[in-house]
Amino acid sequence: MSEGFRARDIGLRAQKKILSRMANKSVAKVFIDDTTASLLDNVYKLAKAYTGNKKEAEKLVKNIIKVVIKLGVLYRNGQFSAEELSHAERFKGRFHAAAMAVVSFYEVDFSYDRHYLLTALGEARAALRLLVQRHLTDKSLARVDAVFAFFANAAFLDAVFRKDSEHRELLGRIVADMNRAMDEGGM
């Protein structure tokens, strides 16, 4: 055995690789609770309704699942430095702010603020990239970017938050799932 070899590192890489190849509903249920699964199902429906493209919606949700699972594996295996954990807290705060804004924009008429939401999502993305850049491949980092690019698209946000939006019912389901996830401490 060479000095640079560590079984733990090999095991961690194997877990990430296996999980990245198996991002489907049955595997996700092992790592993702029922509330989050419902949220992801509704995000899929919204993405499919907005894009009109089933494959694009599936890819979006699979990318979310892969990133979430990899983050969980890294965290459970104590792979983050103190500095990275501070980035994790910043990500958590900005993501939570974005989630609260989505809830508020849905529940309170005429409160939609695209600029605020785009800023919160941009800051969450930046913090997440700082958290994972040392741990994930370029392909996984591209997944992070793709997910945030989808949700931080001004045309998408405007279409979803328009008062007369055809997506209002799905947004309502997503907001209900988000509220439940926040109440359970999962978001």
C-alpha atoms as a PDB file:
ATOM      1  CA  MET A   1       0.000   0.000   0.000  1.00  0.00           C
ATOM      2  CA  SER A   2       1.360   3.398  -0.905  1.00  0.00           C
ATOM      3  CA  GLU A   3       1.314   6.315   1.532  1.00  0.00           C
ATOM      4  CA  GLY A   4      -1.358   8.185  -0.496  1.00  0.00           C
ATOM      5  CA  PHE A   5      -3.848   5.311  -0.426  1.00  0.00           C
ATOM      6  CA  ARG A   6      -6.759   5.521   1.994  1.00  0.00           C
ATOM      7  CA  ALA A   7      -9.555   2.977   1.913  1.00  0.00           C
ATOM      8  CA  ARG A   8     -11.966   5.562   3.292  1.00  0.00           C
ATOM      9  CA  ASP A   9     -11.318   7.854   0.294  1.00  0.00           C
ATOM     10  CA  ILE A  10     -11.863   4.961  -2.114  1.00  0.00           C
ATOM     11  CA  GLY A  11     -15.063   4.037  -0.286  1.00  0.00           C
ATOM     12  CA  LEU A  12     -16.344   7.590  -0.440  1.00  0.00           C
ATOM     13  CA  ARG A  13     -15.602   7.860  -4.162  1.00  0.00           C
ATOM     14  CA  ALA A  14     -17.328   4.528  -4.743  1.00  0.00           C
ATOM     15  CA  GLN A  15     -20.424   5.670  -2.840  1.00  0.00           C
ATOM     16  CA  LYS A  16     -20.636   8.899  -4.849  1.00  0.00           C
ATOM     17  CA  LYS A  17     -20.129   7.034  -8.131  1.00  0.00           C
ATOM     18  CA  ILE A  18     -22.698   4.353  -7.346  1.00  0.00           C
ATOM     19  CA  LEU A  19     -25.255   6.893  -6.174  1.00  0.00           C
ATOM     20  CA  SER A  20     -24.735   9.089  -9.228  1.00  0.00           C
ATOM     21  CA  ARG A  21     -25.576   6.134 -11.467  1.00  0.00           C
ATOM     22  CA  MET A  22     -28.654   5.160  -9.483  1.00  0.00           C
ATOM     23  CA  ALA A  23     -30.570   8.444  -9.142  1.00  0.00           C
ATOM     24  CA  ASN A  24     -34.065   7.122  -9.427  1.00  0.00           C
ATOM     25  CA  LYS A  25     -37.122   7.122  -7.201  1.00  0.00           C
ATOM     26  CA  SER A  26     -36.367   3.896  -5.330  1.00  0.00           C
ATOM     27  CA  VAL A  27     -32.829   4.978  -4.397  1.00  0.00           C
ATOM     28  CA  ALA A  28     -33.978   8.510  -3.630  1.00  0.00           C
ATOM     29  CA  LYS A  29     -36.515   7.167  -1.122  1.00  0.00           C
ATOM     30  CA  VAL A  30     -33.638   5.704   0.916  1.00  0.00           C
ATOM     31  CA  PHE A  31     -32.044   9.151   1.213  1.00  0.00           C
ATOM     32  CA  ILE A  32     -35.004  11.499   0.807  1.00  0.00           C
ATOM     33  CA  ASP A  33     -38.045  11.639   3.095  1.00  0.00           C
ATOM     34  CA  ASP A  34     -41.660  11.531   1.899  1.00  0.00           C
ATOM     35  CA  THR A  35     -42.133  15.305   2.085  1.00  0.00           C
ATOM     36  CA  THR A  36     -39.052  15.968  -0.031  1.00  0.00           C
ATOM     37  CA  ALA A  37     -40.114  13.235  -2.459  1.00  0.00           C
ATOM     38  CA  SER A  38     -43.503  14.915  -2.853  1.00  0.00           C
ATOM     39  CA  LEU A  39     -41.776  18.273  -3.359  1.00  0.00           C
ATOM     40  CA  LEU A  40     -39.542  16.795  -6.061  1.00  0.00           C
ATOM     41  CA  ASP A  41     -42.520  15.141  -7.761  1.00  0.00           C
ATOM     42  CA  ASN A  42     -44.281  18.510  -7.896  1.00  0.00           C
ATOM     43  CA  VAL A  43     -41.117  20.268  -9.105  1.00  0.00           C
ATOM     44  CA  TYR A  44     -40.985  17.660 -11.897  1.00  0.00           C
ATOM     45  CA  LYS A  45     -44.609  18.379 -12.825  1.00  0.00           C
ATOM     46  CA  LEU A  46     -43.963  22.127 -12.853  1.00  0.00           C
ATOM     47  CA  ALA A  47     -40.799  21.781 -14.943  1.00  0.00           C
ATOM     48  CA  LYS A  48     -42.601  19.497 -17.387  1.00  0.00           C
ATOM     49  CA  ALA A  49     -45.573  21.859 -17.626  1.00  0.00           C
ATOM     50  CA  TYR A  50     -43.324  24.900 -18.136  1.00  0.00           C
ATOM     51  CA  THR A  51     -40.914  23.352 -20.654  1.00  0.00           C
ATOM     52  CA  GLY A  52     -43.299  20.914 -22.314  1.00  0.00           C
ATOM     53  CA  ASN A  53     -40.364  18.514 -22.239  1.00  0.00           C
ATOM     54  CA  LYS A  54     -40.555  15.351 -20.127  1.00  0.00           C
ATOM     55  CA  LYS A  55     -36.852  14.504 -20.551  1.00  0.00           C
ATOM     56  CA  GLU A  56     -35.709  17.965 -19.486  1.00  0.00           C
ATOM     57  CA  ALA A  57     -37.939  17.810 -16.384  1.00  0.00           C
ATOM     58  CA  GLU A  58     -36.638  14.331 -15.511  1.00  0.00           C
ATOM     59  CA  LYS A  59     -33.044  15.470 -15.947  1.00  0.00           C
ATOM     60  CA  LEU A  60     -33.638  18.465 -13.677  1.00  0.00           C
ATOM     61  CA  VAL A  61     -35.027  16.329 -10.860  1.00  0.00           C
ATOM     62  CA  LYS A  62     -32.332  13.665 -11.302  1.00  0.00           C
ATOM     63  CA  ASN A  63     -29.684  16.379 -11.075  1.00  0.00           C
ATOM     64  CA  ILE A  64     -31.256  17.678  -7.856  1.00  0.00           C
ATOM     65  CA  ILE A  65     -31.353  14.169  -6.392  1.00  0.00           C
ATOM     66  CA  LYS A  66     -27.747  13.431  -7.354  1.00  0.00           C
ATOM     67  CA  VAL A  67     -26.461  16.657  -5.821  1.00  0.00           C
ATOM     68  CA  VAL A  68     -28.504  16.241  -2.622  1.00  0.00           C
ATOM     69  CA  ILE A  69     -27.376  12.635  -2.173  1.00  0.00           C
ATOM     70  CA  LYS A  70     -23.720  13.503  -2.795  1.00  0.00           C
ATOM     71  CA  LEU A  71     -23.941  16.353  -0.294  1.00  0.00           C
ATOM     72  CA  GLY A  72     -25.415  13.954   2.243  1.00  0.00           C
ATOM     73  CA  VAL A  73     -22.680  11.381   1.673  1.00  0.00           C
ATOM     74  CA  LEU A  74     -19.963  14.011   1.999  1.00  0.00           C
ATOM     75  CA  TYR A  75     -21.507  15.466   5.154  1.00  0.00           C
ATOM     76  CA  ARG A  76     -22.100  12.098   6.831  1.00  0.00           C
ATOM     77  CA  ASN A  77     -18.501  11.137   6.138  1.00  0.00           C
ATOM     78  CA  GLY A  78     -17.127  14.354   7.672  1.00  0.00           C
ATOM     79  CA  GLN A  79     -15.519  15.549   4.436  1.00  0.00           C
ATOM     80  CA  PHE A  80     -16.138  19.277   4.860  1.00  0.00           C
ATOM     81  CA  SER A  81     -13.559  21.616   6.394  1.00  0.00           C
ATOM     82  CA  ALA A  82     -14.531  24.328   8.867  1.00  0.00           C
ATOM     83  CA  GLU A  83     -14.414  26.896   6.054  1.00  0.00           C
ATOM     84  CA  GLU A  84     -16.621  24.705   3.862  1.00  0.00           C
ATOM     85  CA  LEU A  85     -19.078  24.287   6.719  1.00  0.00           C
ATOM     86  CA  SER A  86     -19.347  28.091   6.883  1.00  0.00           C
ATOM     87  CA  HIS A  87     -20.170  28.033   3.153  1.00  0.00           C
ATOM     88  CA  ALA A  88     -22.765  25.363   3.975  1.00  0.00           C
ATOM     89  CA  GLU A  89     -24.370  27.675   6.543  1.00  0.00           C
ATOM     90  CA  ARG A  90     -24.382  30.535   4.021  1.00  0.00           C
ATOM     91  CA  PHE A  91     -25.955  28.243   1.404  1.00  0.00           C
ATOM     92  CA  LYS A  92     -28.552  27.058   3.903  1.00  0.00           C
ATOM     93  CA  GLY A  93     -29.413  30.645   4.848  1.00  0.00           C
ATOM     94  CA  ARG A  94     -29.703  31.912   1.277  1.00  0.00           C
ATOM     95  CA  PHE A  95     -31.612  28.827   0.121  1.00  0.00           C
ATOM     96  CA  HIS A  96     -33.994  29.171   3.065  1.00  0.00           C
ATOM     97  CA  ALA A  97     -34.476  32.869   2.220  1.00  0.00           C
ATOM     98  CA  ALA A  98     -35.281  31.945  -1.385  1.00  0.00           C
ATOM     99  CA  ALA A  99     -37.722  29.266  -0.208  1.00  0.00           C
ATOM    100  CA  MET A 100     -39.427  31.701   2.176  1.00  0.00           C
ATOM    101  CA  ALA A 101     -39.667  34.239  -0.652  1.00  0.00           C
ATOM    102  CA  VAL A 102     -41.337  31.674  -2.914  1.00  0.00           C
ATOM    103  CA  VAL A 103     -43.878  30.930  -0.169  1.00  0.00           C
ATOM    104  CA  SER A 104     -44.491  34.639   0.439  1.00  0.00           C
ATOM    105  CA  PHE A 105     -44.795  35.476  -3.259  1.00  0.00           C
ATOM    106  CA  TYR A 106     -47.386  32.726  -3.636  1.00  0.00           C
ATOM    107  CA  GLU A 107     -49.375  33.612  -0.521  1.00  0.00           C
ATOM    108  CA  VAL A 108     -49.286  37.428  -0.680  1.00  0.00           C
ATOM    109  CA  ASP A 109     -50.729  39.097  -3.768  1.00  0.00           C
ATOM    110  CA  PHE A 110     -48.492  41.534  -5.642  1.00  0.00           C
ATOM    111  CA  SER A 111     -45.400  40.697  -3.553  1.00  0.00           C
ATOM    112  CA  TYR A 112     -43.384  38.960  -6.285  1.00  0.00           C
ATOM    113  CA  ASP A 113     -39.891  40.456  -6.498  1.00  0.00           C
ATOM    114  CA  ARG A 114     -37.895  38.841  -9.295  1.00  0.00           C
ATOM    115  CA  HIS A 115     -34.682  40.702  -8.429  1.00  0.00           C
ATOM    116  CA  TYR A 116     -34.753  39.529  -4.803  1.00  0.00           C
ATOM    117  CA  LEU A 117     -35.346  35.912  -5.810  1.00  0.00           C
ATOM    118  CA  LEU A 118     -32.649  35.962  -8.505  1.00  0.00           C
ATOM    119  CA  THR A 119     -30.172  37.460  -6.019  1.00  0.00           C
ATOM    120  CA  ALA A 120     -30.985  34.884  -3.323  1.00  0.00           C
ATOM    121  CA  LEU A 121     -30.683  32.014  -5.804  1.00  0.00           C
ATOM    122  CA  GLY A 122     -27.405  33.398  -7.189  1.00  0.00           C
ATOM    123  CA  GLU A 123     -25.941  33.714  -3.697  1.00  0.00           C
ATOM    124  CA  ALA A 124     -27.135  30.208  -2.770  1.00  0.00           C
ATOM    125  CA  ARG A 125     -25.539  28.790  -5.924  1.00  0.00           C
ATOM    126  CA  ALA A 126     -22.233  30.557  -5.221  1.00  0.00           C
ATOM    127  CA  ALA A 127     -22.137  29.284  -1.624  1.00  0.00           C
ATOM    128  CA  LEU A 128     -22.999  25.735  -2.723  1.00  0.00           C
ATOM    129  CA  ARG A 129     -20.234  25.770  -5.353  1.00  0.00           C
ATOM    130  CA  LEU A 130     -17.724  26.955  -2.735  1.00  0.00           C
ATOM    131  CA  LEU A 131     -18.888  24.149  -0.470  1.00  0.00           C
ATOM    132  CA  VAL A 132     -18.531  21.341  -3.009  1.00  0.00           C
ATOM    133  CA  GLN A 133     -15.895  22.478  -5.518  1.00  0.00           C
ATOM    134  CA  ARG A 134     -13.122  20.502  -3.810  1.00  0.00           C
ATOM    135  CA  HIS A 135     -15.237  17.344  -3.592  1.00  0.00           C
ATOM    136  CA  LEU A 136     -17.252  17.009  -6.793  1.00  0.00           C
ATOM    137  CA  THR A 137     -16.263  16.489 -10.410  1.00  0.00           C
ATOM    138  CA  ASP A 138     -16.748  19.121 -13.083  1.00  0.00           C
ATOM    139  CA  LYS A 139     -19.739  17.113 -14.293  1.00  0.00           C
ATOM    140  CA  SER A 140     -21.380  17.315 -10.866  1.00  0.00           C
ATOM    141  CA  LEU A 141     -20.593  21.035 -10.627  1.00  0.00           C
ATOM    142  CA  ALA A 142     -22.260  21.435 -14.023  1.00  0.00           C
ATOM    143  CA  ARG A 143     -25.340  19.722 -12.533  1.00  0.00           C
ATOM    144  CA  VAL A 144     -25.416  22.322  -9.758  1.00  0.00           C
ATOM    145  CA  ASP A 145     -25.189  25.094 -12.355  1.00  0.00           C
ATOM    146  CA  ALA A 146     -27.909  23.507 -14.513  1.00  0.00           C
ATOM    147  CA  VAL A 147     -30.338  23.278 -11.586  1.00  0.00           C
ATOM    148  CA  PHE A 148     -29.791  26.880 -10.562  1.00  0.00           C
ATOM    149  CA  ALA A 149     -29.919  28.057 -14.188  1.00  0.00           C
ATOM    150  CA  PHE A 150     -33.354  26.495 -14.547  1.00  0.00           C
ATOM    151  CA  PHE A 151     -34.814  28.070 -11.403  1.00  0.00           C
ATOM    152  CA  ALA A 152     -33.022  31.419 -11.768  1.00  0.00           C
ATOM    153  CA  ASN A 153     -34.441  31.979 -15.246  1.00  0.00           C
ATOM    154  CA  ALA A 154     -36.341  35.280 -15.224  1.00  0.00           C
ATOM    155  CA  ALA A 155     -38.844  34.098 -17.839  1.00  0.00           C
ATOM    156  CA  PHE A 156     -39.585  30.962 -15.783  1.00  0.00           C
ATOM    157  CA  LEU A 157     -40.048  32.952 -12.573  1.00  0.00           C
ATOM    158  CA  ASP A 158     -42.291  35.493 -14.283  1.00  0.00           C
ATOM    159  CA  ALA A 159     -44.410  32.725 -15.815  1.00  0.00           C
ATOM    160  CA  VAL A 160     -44.785  30.911 -12.500  1.00  0.00           C
ATOM    161  CA  PHE A 161     -45.507  33.946 -10.301  1.00  0.00           C
ATOM    162  CA  ARG A 162     -47.883  35.774 -12.647  1.00  0.00           C
ATOM    163  CA  LYS A 163     -51.189  36.190 -10.837  1.00  0.00           C
ATOM    164  CA  ASP A 164     -53.060  34.466 -13.668  1.00  0.00           C
ATOM    165  CA  SER A 165     -50.364  31.817 -14.152  1.00  0.00           C
ATOM    166  CA  GLU A 166     -51.396  28.460 -15.546  1.00  0.00           C
ATOM    167  CA  HIS A 167     -48.857  27.018 -13.080  1.00  0.00           C
ATOM    168  CA  ARG A 168     -50.534  28.447  -9.961  1.00  0.00           C
ATOM    169  CA  GLU A 169     -52.036  25.125  -8.830  1.00  0.00           C
ATOM    170  CA  LEU A 170     -48.672  23.318  -9.101  1.00  0.00           C
ATOM    171  CA  LEU A 171     -46.938  26.220  -7.356  1.00  0.00           C
ATOM    172  CA  GLY A 172     -49.507  25.852  -4.564  1.00  0.00           C
ATOM    173  CA  ARG A 173     -48.605  22.180  -4.149  1.00  0.00           C
ATOM    174  CA  ILE A 174     -44.899  23.049  -4.111  1.00  0.00           C
ATOM    175  CA  VAL A 175     -45.495  25.761  -1.506  1.00  0.00           C
ATOM    176  CA  ALA A 176     -47.470  23.296   0.650  1.00  0.00           C
ATOM    177  CA  ASP A 177     -44.603  20.787   0.387  1.00  0.00           C
ATOM    178  CA  MET A 178     -42.074  23.515   1.200  1.00  0.00           C
ATOM    179  CA  ASN A 179     -44.062  24.614   4.254  1.00  0.00           C
ATOM    180  CA  ARG A 180     -44.266  21.021   5.440  1.00  0.00           C
ATOM    181  CA  ALA A 181     -40.529  20.512   4.851  1.00  0.00           C
ATOM    182  CA  MET A 182     -39.700  23.687   6.802  1.00  0.00           C
ATOM    183  CA  ASP A 183     -41.988  22.618   9.661  1.00  0.00           C
ATOM    184  CA  GLU A 184     -40.214  19.248   9.773  1.00  0.00           C
ATOM    185  CA  GLY A 185     -36.796  20.957   9.703  1.00  0.00           C
ATOM    186  CA  GLY A 186     -35.821  19.469   6.357  1.00  0.00           C
ATOM    187  CA  MET A 187     -35.430  22.698   4.437  1.00  0.00           C
END
